[in-house]
Amino acid sequence: MVLPQSLCVLERTAELSLDAFGSLDGPGPFTGAPAPGLGPPYPGDRPEYGAAFAAALAEERRLITALRDAILPGPGASVDLPSVRIAVRYLPAGEAALLGGDWYELTPLPDGRIFLGVGDTSGHGAAAVARMAQLRPALLGLAMTGASPESLLVWLNTLVLTRFPETTATVVCGYLDVARLRFTWAQAGHPAPILVRRGGARRIGAPEGVILGAVPDPRYRVRCTALEPGDLLLMFTDGLVERRTRDIGAGMGLAVKAARAVAGQPDLDAGLDMLIDALGGPNPEDDACLLALQVVDCAERGEPARYAA
């Protein structure tokens, strides 16, 4: 369990680091020396500044890693049900300071459905992880009401605007009806899932939905995707496909192509490893989450073939 005071310590560490040493992403003492007579001394000129900065970074890395481990333990998670298999991967960035707010959710609900989702909070470092650690359980708590996915995103958008006014986030989430093989979902500025069916793969057309934290009265729409035996559904954050040296469109194309091979693997976890390798491995500059849902083929269950209407 992540205690509220842990989040406060993490956020305060980020604030202190930026107050004392400037922004790591923008103008400041660590992106270029200030003009003569302006701003604090450049760290290279004062050993005590360099030592304090190194200590602050080390503490931030420790807190980020500890919080990440508490929220998303282990390299992934999996669920095997009679009709579906679900596996998840969290891929950390190469540098602790570049860890972002990527997350996944995979939770059975009291009514028998499964709530699935992946999301990404803006920014990197302690502040982004702290925001993610609050938004993810907030969304899960809202999902326990059983409300429609578009309502969940409207409420979450209100939370972002009122509680985290300088934050934006993307989400794709929904309910899997295991008995009827239907996935009812919505998205907020997030990459659409990839569907693999009978050897072909494509991105599903996304319902309308704007990024969280952008406007006070957003409009979200819901899509119901009927799944068939043998189908593979992939949900992911953009860190999986985007690279500094590769256009995100090219990365999406590679992901669609590699997804076909995953569907043919008897071991879903091994298939995800193949997909990640085909995309160039973990992104050194951004973390990523990948959630895969595979409908068990009727032949594996010894049942006659049937398809969702």
C-alpha atoms as a PDB file:
ATOM      1  CA  MET A   1       0.000   0.000   0.000  1.00  0.00           C
ATOM      2  CA  VAL A   2       1.263   3.486  -0.846  1.00  0.00           C
ATOM      3  CA  LEU A   3       0.773   5.775   2.146  1.00  0.00           C
ATOM      4  CA  PRO A   4      -0.312   9.404   1.565  1.00  0.00           C
ATOM      5  CA  GLN A   5       2.737  10.686   3.432  1.00  0.00           C
ATOM      6  CA  SER A   6       4.961   8.860   0.931  1.00  0.00           C
ATOM      7  CA  LEU A   7       3.388  10.864  -1.877  1.00  0.00           C
ATOM      8  CA  CYS A   8       3.908  14.104   0.055  1.00  0.00           C
ATOM      9  CA  VAL A   9       7.580  13.305   0.616  1.00  0.00           C
ATOM     10  CA  LEU A  10       8.046  12.491  -3.059  1.00  0.00           C
ATOM     11  CA  GLU A  11       6.340  15.678  -4.223  1.00  0.00           C
ATOM     12  CA  ARG A  12       8.260  17.806  -1.735  1.00  0.00           C
ATOM     13  CA  THR A  13      11.560  16.258  -2.860  1.00  0.00           C
ATOM     14  CA  ALA A  14      10.800  17.254  -6.440  1.00  0.00           C
ATOM     15  CA  GLU A  15       9.865  20.785  -5.377  1.00  0.00           C
ATOM     16  CA  LEU A  16      13.008  21.217  -3.323  1.00  0.00           C
ATOM     17  CA  SER A  17      15.208  19.930  -6.140  1.00  0.00           C
ATOM     18  CA  LEU A  18      13.712  22.352  -8.644  1.00  0.00           C
ATOM     19  CA  ASP A  19      13.630  25.294  -6.225  1.00  0.00           C
ATOM     20  CA  ALA A  20      17.270  24.861  -5.353  1.00  0.00           C
ATOM     21  CA  PHE A  21      18.742  23.892  -8.686  1.00  0.00           C
ATOM     22  CA  GLY A  22      16.373  24.914 -11.443  1.00  0.00           C
ATOM     23  CA  SER A  23      14.408  22.903 -13.949  1.00  0.00           C
ATOM     24  CA  LEU A  24      15.958  19.867 -15.578  1.00  0.00           C
ATOM     25  CA  ASP A  25      13.803  20.410 -18.663  1.00  0.00           C
ATOM     26  CA  GLY A  26      14.026  24.173 -19.171  1.00  0.00           C
ATOM     27  CA  PRO A  27      16.378  27.130 -18.705  1.00  0.00           C
ATOM     28  CA  GLY A  28      18.267  27.022 -15.435  1.00  0.00           C
ATOM     29  CA  PRO A  29      21.652  26.306 -13.916  1.00  0.00           C
ATOM     30  CA  PHE A  30      21.749  22.751 -15.258  1.00  0.00           C
ATOM     31  CA  THR A  31      20.874  23.438 -18.873  1.00  0.00           C
ATOM     32  CA  GLY A  32      23.408  26.233 -19.301  1.00  0.00           C
ATOM     33  CA  ALA A  33      25.414  28.622 -17.147  1.00  0.00           C
ATOM     34  CA  PRO A  34      23.582  31.876 -16.345  1.00  0.00           C
ATOM     35  CA  ALA A  35      24.853  35.192 -17.587  1.00  0.00           C
ATOM     36  CA  PRO A  36      27.508  36.840 -15.372  1.00  0.00           C
ATOM     37  CA  GLY A  37      26.004  38.318 -12.260  1.00  0.00           C
ATOM     38  CA  LEU A  38      22.626  36.596 -12.769  1.00  0.00           C
ATOM     39  CA  GLY A  39      21.294  33.608 -10.845  1.00  0.00           C
ATOM     40  CA  PRO A  40      23.097  31.205  -8.491  1.00  0.00           C
ATOM     41  CA  PRO A  41      26.654  30.040  -9.170  1.00  0.00           C
ATOM     42  CA  TYR A  42      26.996  27.312 -11.762  1.00  0.00           C
ATOM     43  CA  PRO A  43      27.394  23.929  -9.974  1.00  0.00           C
ATOM     44  CA  GLY A  44      30.744  23.261 -11.595  1.00  0.00           C
ATOM     45  CA  ASP A  45      32.120  26.411  -9.938  1.00  0.00           C
ATOM     46  CA  ARG A  46      31.020  25.478  -6.409  1.00  0.00           C
ATOM     47  CA  PRO A  47      31.720  21.905  -5.187  1.00  0.00           C
ATOM     48  CA  GLU A  48      29.076  22.163  -2.482  1.00  0.00           C
ATOM     49  CA  TYR A  49      26.387  22.804  -5.100  1.00  0.00           C
ATOM     50  CA  GLY A  50      27.461  19.755  -7.080  1.00  0.00           C
ATOM     51  CA  ALA A  51      27.478  17.527  -3.995  1.00  0.00           C
ATOM     52  CA  ALA A  52      24.072  18.759  -2.857  1.00  0.00           C
ATOM     53  CA  PHE A  53      22.607  18.254  -6.326  1.00  0.00           C
ATOM     54  CA  ALA A  54      23.977  14.714  -6.536  1.00  0.00           C
ATOM     55  CA  ALA A  55      22.517  13.910  -3.115  1.00  0.00           C
ATOM     56  CA  ALA A  56      19.121  15.330  -4.120  1.00  0.00           C
ATOM     57  CA  LEU A  57      19.101  13.275  -7.327  1.00  0.00           C
ATOM     58  CA  ALA A  58      20.064  10.104  -5.471  1.00  0.00           C
ATOM     59  CA  GLU A  59      17.240  10.611  -2.976  1.00  0.00           C
ATOM     60  CA  GLU A  60      14.776  11.321  -5.767  1.00  0.00           C
ATOM     61  CA  ARG A  61      15.799   8.148  -7.608  1.00  0.00           C
ATOM     62  CA  ARG A  62      15.339   6.117  -4.431  1.00  0.00           C
ATOM     63  CA  LEU A  63      11.881   7.543  -3.775  1.00  0.00           C
ATOM     64  CA  ILE A  64      10.775   7.185  -7.406  1.00  0.00           C
ATOM     65  CA  THR A  65      11.892   3.553  -7.547  1.00  0.00           C
ATOM     66  CA  ALA A  66      10.293   2.707  -4.193  1.00  0.00           C
ATOM     67  CA  LEU A  67       6.989   4.278  -5.181  1.00  0.00           C
ATOM     68  CA  ARG A  68       7.040   2.606  -8.595  1.00  0.00           C
ATOM     69  CA  ASP A  69       7.663  -0.786  -7.008  1.00  0.00           C
ATOM     70  CA  ALA A  70       4.753  -0.253  -4.626  1.00  0.00           C
ATOM     71  CA  ILE A  71       2.337   0.785  -7.369  1.00  0.00           C
ATOM     72  CA  LEU A  72       3.390  -1.522 -10.221  1.00  0.00           C
ATOM     73  CA  PRO A  73       5.218  -4.409  -8.554  1.00  0.00           C
ATOM     74  CA  GLY A  74       7.378  -6.687 -10.645  1.00  0.00           C
ATOM     75  CA  PRO A  75       7.950  -6.656 -14.413  1.00  0.00           C
ATOM     76  CA  GLY A  76       4.345  -7.488 -15.200  1.00  0.00           C
ATOM     77  CA  ALA A  77       1.180  -9.285 -14.223  1.00  0.00           C
ATOM     78  CA  SER A  78      -1.032 -11.906 -15.821  1.00  0.00           C
ATOM     79  CA  VAL A  79      -4.497 -13.372 -15.408  1.00  0.00           C
ATOM     80  CA  ASP A  80      -5.726 -16.637 -16.907  1.00  0.00           C
ATOM     81  CA  LEU A  81      -9.475 -17.228 -17.068  1.00  0.00           C
ATOM     82  CA  PRO A  82     -11.355 -20.008 -18.892  1.00  0.00           C
ATOM     83  CA  SER A  83     -12.064 -17.724 -21.862  1.00  0.00           C
ATOM     84  CA  VAL A  84      -9.329 -15.065 -21.799  1.00  0.00           C
ATOM     85  CA  ARG A  85      -5.680 -14.579 -20.960  1.00  0.00           C
ATOM     86  CA  ILE A  86      -4.375 -11.189 -19.872  1.00  0.00           C
ATOM     87  CA  ALA A  87      -0.736 -10.163 -19.489  1.00  0.00           C
ATOM     88  CA  VAL A  88       0.899  -6.837 -18.688  1.00  0.00           C
ATOM     89  CA  ARG A  89       4.368  -5.332 -19.040  1.00  0.00           C
ATOM     90  CA  TYR A  90       5.798  -2.227 -17.428  1.00  0.00           C
ATOM     91  CA  LEU A  91       8.998  -1.051 -19.134  1.00  0.00           C
ATOM     92  CA  PRO A  92      10.962   1.538 -17.133  1.00  0.00           C
ATOM     93  CA  ALA A  93      13.024   4.204 -18.844  1.00  0.00           C
ATOM     94  CA  GLY A  94      16.791   3.838 -18.820  1.00  0.00           C
ATOM     95  CA  GLU A  95      17.266   6.754 -16.402  1.00  0.00           C
ATOM     96  CA  ALA A  96      15.375   7.095 -13.116  1.00  0.00           C
ATOM     97  CA  ALA A  97      14.957  10.840 -13.714  1.00  0.00           C
ATOM     98  CA  LEU A  98      13.183  10.030 -17.005  1.00  0.00           C
ATOM     99  CA  LEU A  99      10.593   7.736 -15.425  1.00  0.00           C
ATOM    100  CA  GLY A 100       7.173   9.103 -16.220  1.00  0.00           C
ATOM    101  CA  GLY A 101       3.611   8.571 -15.137  1.00  0.00           C
ATOM    102  CA  ASP A 102       2.792   5.479 -17.222  1.00  0.00           C
ATOM    103  CA  TRP A 103       0.526   2.955 -15.522  1.00  0.00           C
ATOM    104  CA  TYR A 104      -1.713  -0.041 -16.113  1.00  0.00           C
ATOM    105  CA  GLU A 105      -4.788  -1.373 -14.335  1.00  0.00           C
ATOM    106  CA  LEU A 106      -6.192  -4.900 -14.293  1.00  0.00           C
ATOM    107  CA  THR A 107      -8.871  -5.510 -11.657  1.00  0.00           C
ATOM    108  CA  PRO A 108     -11.868  -7.887 -11.404  1.00  0.00           C
ATOM    109  CA  LEU A 109     -15.052  -6.080 -10.349  1.00  0.00           C
ATOM    110  CA  PRO A 110     -17.810  -7.362  -8.038  1.00  0.00           C
ATOM    111  CA  ASP A 111     -20.197  -7.873 -10.981  1.00  0.00           C
ATOM    112  CA  GLY A 112     -17.777 -10.286 -12.699  1.00  0.00           C
ATOM    113  CA  ARG A 113     -16.432  -7.871 -15.294  1.00  0.00           C
ATOM    114  CA  ILE A 114     -12.760  -6.858 -15.466  1.00  0.00           C
ATOM    115  CA  PHE A 115     -11.686  -3.243 -15.495  1.00  0.00           C
ATOM    116  CA  LEU A 116      -8.731  -2.704 -17.834  1.00  0.00           C
ATOM    117  CA  GLY A 117      -6.775   0.416 -18.559  1.00  0.00           C
ATOM    118  CA  VAL A 118      -3.456   2.031 -19.369  1.00  0.00           C
ATOM    119  CA  GLY A 119      -2.543   5.676 -19.021  1.00  0.00           C
ATOM    120  CA  ASP A 120       0.202   8.245 -19.064  1.00  0.00           C
ATOM    121  CA  THR A 121       0.613  11.344 -16.899  1.00  0.00           C
ATOM    122  CA  SER A 122       2.537  14.281 -18.357  1.00  0.00           C
ATOM    123  CA  GLY A 123       6.138  14.940 -17.364  1.00  0.00           C
ATOM    124  CA  HIS A 124       8.942  12.871 -15.896  1.00  0.00           C
ATOM    125  CA  GLY A 125      10.515  12.346 -12.505  1.00  0.00           C
ATOM    126  CA  ALA A 126       9.106  12.522  -9.013  1.00  0.00           C
ATOM    127  CA  ALA A 127       6.228  14.889  -9.760  1.00  0.00           C
ATOM    128  CA  ALA A 128       4.884  12.740 -12.629  1.00  0.00           C
ATOM    129  CA  VAL A 129       5.090   9.534 -10.588  1.00  0.00           C
ATOM    130  CA  ALA A 130       3.346  11.210  -7.649  1.00  0.00           C
ATOM    131  CA  ARG A 131       0.490  12.403  -9.870  1.00  0.00           C
ATOM    132  CA  MET A 132       0.152   8.950 -11.432  1.00  0.00           C
ATOM    133  CA  ALA A 133       0.038   7.396  -7.962  1.00  0.00           C
ATOM    134  CA  GLN A 134      -3.065   9.448  -7.229  1.00  0.00           C
ATOM    135  CA  LEU A 135      -4.868   9.363 -10.577  1.00  0.00           C
ATOM    136  CA  ARG A 136      -4.637   5.607 -11.113  1.00  0.00           C
ATOM    137  CA  PRO A 137      -6.387   4.571  -7.844  1.00  0.00           C
ATOM    138  CA  ALA A 138      -8.872   7.424  -8.294  1.00  0.00           C
ATOM    139  CA  LEU A 139      -9.927   5.960 -11.643  1.00  0.00           C
ATOM    140  CA  LEU A 140     -10.179   2.463 -10.158  1.00  0.00           C
ATOM    141  CA  GLY A 141     -12.337   3.772  -7.323  1.00  0.00           C
ATOM    142  CA  LEU A 142     -14.646   5.440  -9.834  1.00  0.00           C
ATOM    143  CA  ALA A 143     -14.814   2.211 -11.855  1.00  0.00           C
ATOM    144  CA  MET A 144     -16.122   0.367  -8.788  1.00  0.00           C
ATOM    145  CA  THR A 145     -19.337   2.334  -9.216  1.00  0.00           C
ATOM    146  CA  GLY A 146     -19.955   0.526 -12.501  1.00  0.00           C
ATOM    147  CA  ALA A 147     -20.514   3.833 -14.293  1.00  0.00           C
ATOM    148  CA  SER A 148     -19.968   4.002 -18.045  1.00  0.00           C
ATOM    149  CA  PRO A 149     -16.413   4.623 -19.279  1.00  0.00           C
ATOM    150  CA  GLU A 150     -17.234   8.111 -20.589  1.00  0.00           C
ATOM    151  CA  SER A 151     -18.535   9.114 -17.144  1.00  0.00           C
ATOM    152  CA  LEU A 152     -15.339   7.838 -15.547  1.00  0.00           C
ATOM    153  CA  LEU A 153     -13.263  10.064 -17.826  1.00  0.00           C
ATOM    154  CA  VAL A 154     -15.466  13.126 -17.253  1.00  0.00           C
ATOM    155  CA  TRP A 155     -15.043  12.724 -13.493  1.00  0.00           C
ATOM    156  CA  LEU A 156     -11.332  12.083 -13.785  1.00  0.00           C
ATOM    157  CA  ASN A 157     -10.947  15.167 -15.965  1.00  0.00           C
ATOM    158  CA  THR A 158     -12.635  17.234 -13.248  1.00  0.00           C
ATOM    159  CA  LEU A 159     -10.204  15.821 -10.693  1.00  0.00           C
ATOM    160  CA  VAL A 160      -7.209  16.713 -12.860  1.00  0.00           C
ATOM    161  CA  LEU A 161      -8.438  20.265 -13.454  1.00  0.00           C
ATOM    162  CA  THR A 162      -9.204  20.964  -9.797  1.00  0.00           C
ATOM    163  CA  ARG A 163      -6.500  19.012  -8.007  1.00  0.00           C
ATOM    164  CA  PHE A 164      -3.616  19.075 -10.521  1.00  0.00           C
ATOM    165  CA  PRO A 165      -4.170  22.196 -12.670  1.00  0.00           C
ATOM    166  CA  GLU A 166      -0.749  22.015 -14.366  1.00  0.00           C
ATOM    167  CA  THR A 167      -1.073  18.323 -15.246  1.00  0.00           C
ATOM    168  CA  THR A 168      -2.419  16.558 -18.316  1.00  0.00           C
ATOM    169  CA  ALA A 169      -2.923  12.841 -18.795  1.00  0.00           C
ATOM    170  CA  THR A 170      -4.053  10.319 -21.388  1.00  0.00           C
ATOM    171  CA  VAL A 171      -6.082   7.183 -20.679  1.00  0.00           C
ATOM    172  CA  VAL A 172      -7.728   4.298 -22.470  1.00  0.00           C
ATOM    173  CA  CYS A 173      -9.930   2.190 -20.198  1.00  0.00           C
ATOM    174  CA  GLY A 174     -13.038   0.072 -20.103  1.00  0.00           C
ATOM    175  CA  TYR A 175     -14.879  -3.003 -18.930  1.00  0.00           C
ATOM    176  CA  LEU A 176     -14.359  -6.508 -20.248  1.00  0.00           C
ATOM    177  CA  ASP A 177     -17.512  -8.628 -20.085  1.00  0.00           C
ATOM    178  CA  VAL A 178     -15.871 -12.046 -19.957  1.00  0.00           C
ATOM    179  CA  ALA A 179     -19.088 -14.013 -20.494  1.00  0.00           C
ATOM    180  CA  ARG A 180     -20.156 -12.066 -23.603  1.00  0.00           C
ATOM    181  CA  LEU A 181     -16.647 -11.315 -24.882  1.00  0.00           C
ATOM    182  CA  ARG A 182     -17.297  -7.598 -25.152  1.00  0.00           C
ATOM    183  CA  PHE A 183     -14.927  -4.755 -24.321  1.00  0.00           C
ATOM    184  CA  THR A 184     -16.703  -1.439 -23.680  1.00  0.00           C
ATOM    185  CA  TRP A 185     -14.179   1.374 -23.604  1.00  0.00           C
ATOM    186  CA  ALA A 186     -13.396   5.058 -23.941  1.00  0.00           C
ATOM    187  CA  GLN A 187     -10.247   7.085 -24.342  1.00  0.00           C
ATOM    188  CA  ALA A 188      -8.862  10.502 -23.486  1.00  0.00           C
ATOM    189  CA  GLY A 189      -6.246  11.510 -26.049  1.00  0.00           C
ATOM    190  CA  HIS A 190      -4.636   8.075 -25.941  1.00  0.00           C
ATOM    191  CA  PRO A 191      -3.385   5.735 -28.701  1.00  0.00           C
ATOM    192  CA  ALA A 192      -6.124   3.340 -29.799  1.00  0.00           C
ATOM    193  CA  PRO A 193      -5.705  -0.396 -29.108  1.00  0.00           C
ATOM    194  CA  ILE A 194      -4.492  -2.843 -31.747  1.00  0.00           C
ATOM    195  CA  LEU A 195      -6.738  -5.781 -32.623  1.00  0.00           C
ATOM    196  CA  VAL A 196      -5.335  -8.964 -34.173  1.00  0.00           C
ATOM    197  CA  ARG A 197      -7.934 -11.250 -35.747  1.00  0.00           C
ATOM    198  CA  ARG A 198      -7.470 -14.273 -38.040  1.00  0.00           C
ATOM    199  CA  GLY A 199      -3.934 -13.308 -38.994  1.00  0.00           C
ATOM    200  CA  GLY A 200      -4.665  -9.637 -39.663  1.00  0.00           C
ATOM    201  CA  ALA A 201      -3.893  -6.685 -37.393  1.00  0.00           C
ATOM    202  CA  ARG A 202      -5.198  -3.120 -37.262  1.00  0.00           C
ATOM    203  CA  ARG A 203      -5.692  -0.217 -34.912  1.00  0.00           C
ATOM    204  CA  ILE A 204      -9.290   0.094 -33.761  1.00  0.00           C
ATOM    205  CA  GLY A 205     -11.015   3.358 -34.566  1.00  0.00           C
ATOM    206  CA  ALA A 206     -11.012   5.390 -31.357  1.00  0.00           C
ATOM    207  CA  PRO A 207     -14.150   7.030 -29.983  1.00  0.00           C
ATOM    208  CA  GLU A 208     -14.083  10.789 -29.428  1.00  0.00           C
ATOM    209  CA  GLY A 209     -12.080  11.897 -26.394  1.00  0.00           C
ATOM    210  CA  VAL A 210      -9.788  14.796 -25.513  1.00  0.00           C
ATOM    211  CA  ILE A 211      -6.748  14.618 -23.239  1.00  0.00           C
ATOM    212  CA  LEU A 212      -7.460  14.969 -19.504  1.00  0.00           C
ATOM    213  CA  GLY A 213      -6.819  18.408 -18.069  1.00  0.00           C
ATOM    214  CA  ALA A 214      -7.256  20.280 -21.362  1.00  0.00           C
ATOM    215  CA  VAL A 215     -10.826  21.635 -21.203  1.00  0.00           C
ATOM    216  CA  PRO A 216     -13.463  21.925 -18.449  1.00  0.00           C
ATOM    217  CA  ASP A 217     -16.339  20.329 -20.370  1.00  0.00           C
ATOM    218  CA  PRO A 218     -14.924  17.562 -22.550  1.00  0.00           C
ATOM    219  CA  ARG A 219     -16.991  15.176 -24.633  1.00  0.00           C
ATOM    220  CA  TYR A 220     -16.189  11.487 -24.445  1.00  0.00           C
ATOM    221  CA  ARG A 221     -17.775   8.684 -26.423  1.00  0.00           C
ATOM    222  CA  VAL A 222     -17.873   4.925 -25.835  1.00  0.00           C
ATOM    223  CA  ARG A 223     -17.092   2.095 -28.208  1.00  0.00           C
ATOM    224  CA  CYS A 224     -18.117  -1.533 -27.726  1.00  0.00           C
ATOM    225  CA  THR A 225     -15.702  -3.985 -29.335  1.00  0.00           C
ATOM    226  CA  ALA A 226     -17.034  -7.523 -29.783  1.00  0.00           C
ATOM    227  CA  LEU A 227     -14.252 -10.062 -29.464  1.00  0.00           C
ATOM    228  CA  GLU A 228     -13.990 -13.474 -31.099  1.00  0.00           C
ATOM    229  CA  PRO A 229     -12.151 -16.647 -30.111  1.00  0.00           C
ATOM    230  CA  GLY A 230      -8.492 -16.259 -30.993  1.00  0.00           C
ATOM    231  CA  ASP A 231      -8.562 -12.439 -30.941  1.00  0.00           C
ATOM    232  CA  LEU A 232      -5.676 -10.478 -29.417  1.00  0.00           C
ATOM    233  CA  LEU A 233      -6.206  -6.946 -28.082  1.00  0.00           C
ATOM    234  CA  LEU A 234      -3.184  -4.761 -27.264  1.00  0.00           C
ATOM    235  CA  MET A 235      -3.380  -1.568 -25.186  1.00  0.00           C
ATOM    236  CA  PHE A 236      -0.229   0.499 -24.662  1.00  0.00           C
ATOM    237  CA  THR A 237       1.265   3.906 -23.885  1.00  0.00           C
ATOM    238  CA  ASP A 238       3.165   5.906 -26.489  1.00  0.00           C
ATOM    239  CA  GLY A 239       6.539   5.149 -24.894  1.00  0.00           C
ATOM    240  CA  LEU A 240       6.285   1.681 -26.440  1.00  0.00           C
ATOM    241  CA  VAL A 241       6.301   2.931 -30.038  1.00  0.00           C
ATOM    242  CA  GLU A 242       7.823   6.413 -29.933  1.00  0.00           C
ATOM    243  CA  ARG A 243      11.577   7.037 -30.129  1.00  0.00           C
ATOM    244  CA  ARG A 244      13.703  10.124 -30.584  1.00  0.00           C
ATOM    245  CA  THR A 245      15.039   8.627 -33.819  1.00  0.00           C
ATOM    246  CA  ARG A 246      11.707   7.243 -35.085  1.00  0.00           C
ATOM    247  CA  ASP A 247       8.454   8.911 -36.031  1.00  0.00           C
ATOM    248  CA  ILE A 248       5.544   7.721 -33.900  1.00  0.00           C
ATOM    249  CA  GLY A 249       3.656   6.748 -37.061  1.00  0.00           C
ATOM    250  CA  ALA A 250       6.484   4.439 -38.066  1.00  0.00           C
ATOM    251  CA  GLY A 251       6.504   2.989 -34.573  1.00  0.00           C
ATOM    252  CA  MET A 252       2.775   2.294 -34.781  1.00  0.00           C
ATOM    253  CA  GLY A 253       3.304   0.512 -38.078  1.00  0.00           C
ATOM    254  CA  LEU A 254       5.978  -1.685 -36.533  1.00  0.00           C
ATOM    255  CA  ALA A 255       3.702  -2.458 -33.599  1.00  0.00           C
ATOM    256  CA  VAL A 256       0.832  -3.527 -35.851  1.00  0.00           C
ATOM    257  CA  LYS A 257       3.171  -5.764 -37.855  1.00  0.00           C
ATOM    258  CA  ALA A 258       4.752  -7.321 -34.752  1.00  0.00           C
ATOM    259  CA  ALA A 259       1.333  -7.888 -33.141  1.00  0.00           C
ATOM    260  CA  ARG A 260       0.489 -10.526 -35.751  1.00  0.00           C
ATOM    261  CA  ALA A 261       3.337 -12.704 -34.510  1.00  0.00           C
ATOM    262  CA  VAL A 262       2.199 -12.353 -30.880  1.00  0.00           C
ATOM    263  CA  ALA A 263      -1.224 -13.798 -31.671  1.00  0.00           C
ATOM    264  CA  GLY A 264       0.370 -16.988 -32.956  1.00  0.00           C
ATOM    265  CA  GLN A 265       2.361 -17.656 -29.786  1.00  0.00           C
ATOM    266  CA  PRO A 266       1.015 -20.278 -27.358  1.00  0.00           C
ATOM    267  CA  ASP A 267       2.577 -18.346 -24.456  1.00  0.00           C
ATOM    268  CA  LEU A 268       1.217 -14.796 -24.251  1.00  0.00           C
ATOM    269  CA  ASP A 269       4.062 -13.588 -22.018  1.00  0.00           C
ATOM    270  CA  ALA A 270       6.642 -14.860 -24.500  1.00  0.00           C
ATOM    271  CA  GLY A 271       4.701 -13.159 -27.289  1.00  0.00           C
ATOM    272  CA  LEU A 272       4.886  -9.815 -25.493  1.00  0.00           C
ATOM    273  CA  ASP A 273       8.640 -10.197 -25.140  1.00  0.00           C
ATOM    274  CA  MET A 274       8.851 -10.753 -28.902  1.00  0.00           C
ATOM    275  CA  LEU A 275       6.760  -7.640 -29.547  1.00  0.00           C
ATOM    276  CA  ILE A 276       8.959  -5.490 -27.310  1.00  0.00           C
ATOM    277  CA  ASP A 277      12.109  -6.778 -29.004  1.00  0.00           C
ATOM    278  CA  ALA A 278      10.639  -6.073 -32.457  1.00  0.00           C
ATOM    279  CA  LEU A 279      10.069  -2.448 -31.416  1.00  0.00           C
ATOM    280  CA  GLY A 280      13.651  -2.005 -30.271  1.00  0.00           C
ATOM    281  CA  GLY A 281      13.337  -2.997 -26.619  1.00  0.00           C
ATOM    282  CA  PRO A 282      12.510  -0.657 -23.720  1.00  0.00           C
ATOM    283  CA  ASN A 283      12.615   3.041 -24.560  1.00  0.00           C
ATOM    284  CA  PRO A 284      15.735   4.561 -22.923  1.00  0.00           C
ATOM    285  CA  GLU A 285      14.049   7.979 -22.700  1.00  0.00           C
ATOM    286  CA  ASP A 286      10.507   7.126 -21.598  1.00  0.00           C
ATOM    287  CA  ASP A 287       8.723   4.423 -19.685  1.00  0.00           C
ATOM    288  CA  ALA A 288       5.903   2.404 -21.223  1.00  0.00           C
ATOM    289  CA  CYS A 289       3.074   0.045 -20.350  1.00  0.00           C
ATOM    290  CA  LEU A 290       1.642  -2.749 -22.472  1.00  0.00           C
ATOM    291  CA  LEU A 291      -1.531  -4.725 -21.697  1.00  0.00           C
ATOM    292  CA  ALA A 292      -2.512  -7.720 -23.828  1.00  0.00           C
ATOM    293  CA  LEU A 293      -5.825  -9.561 -23.804  1.00  0.00           C
ATOM    294  CA  GLN A 294      -6.152 -12.794 -25.763  1.00  0.00           C
ATOM    295  CA  VAL A 295      -9.411 -14.686 -26.179  1.00  0.00           C
ATOM    296  CA  VAL A 296      -8.849 -18.411 -25.802  1.00  0.00           C
ATOM    297  CA  ASP A 297      -9.649 -20.292 -28.978  1.00  0.00           C
ATOM    298  CA  CYS A 298     -12.660 -22.588 -28.734  1.00  0.00           C
ATOM    299  CA  ALA A 299     -10.558 -25.572 -29.825  1.00  0.00           C
ATOM    300  CA  GLU A 300      -8.350 -25.128 -26.751  1.00  0.00           C
ATOM    301  CA  ARG A 301     -11.450 -25.322 -24.576  1.00  0.00           C
ATOM    302  CA  GLY A 302     -12.967 -28.210 -26.477  1.00  0.00           C
ATOM    303  CA  GLU A 303     -16.009 -26.140 -27.477  1.00  0.00           C
ATOM    304  CA  PRO A 304     -17.677 -25.524 -30.843  1.00  0.00           C
ATOM    305  CA  ALA A 305     -16.774 -22.229 -32.502  1.00  0.00           C
ATOM    306  CA  ARG A 306     -19.026 -19.295 -31.696  1.00  0.00           C
ATOM    307  CA  TYR A 307     -18.654 -15.603 -32.377  1.00  0.00           C
ATOM    308  CA  ALA A 308     -19.972 -12.533 -30.632  1.00  0.00           C
ATOM    309  CA  ALA A 309     -22.803 -10.798 -32.394  1.00  0.00           C
END
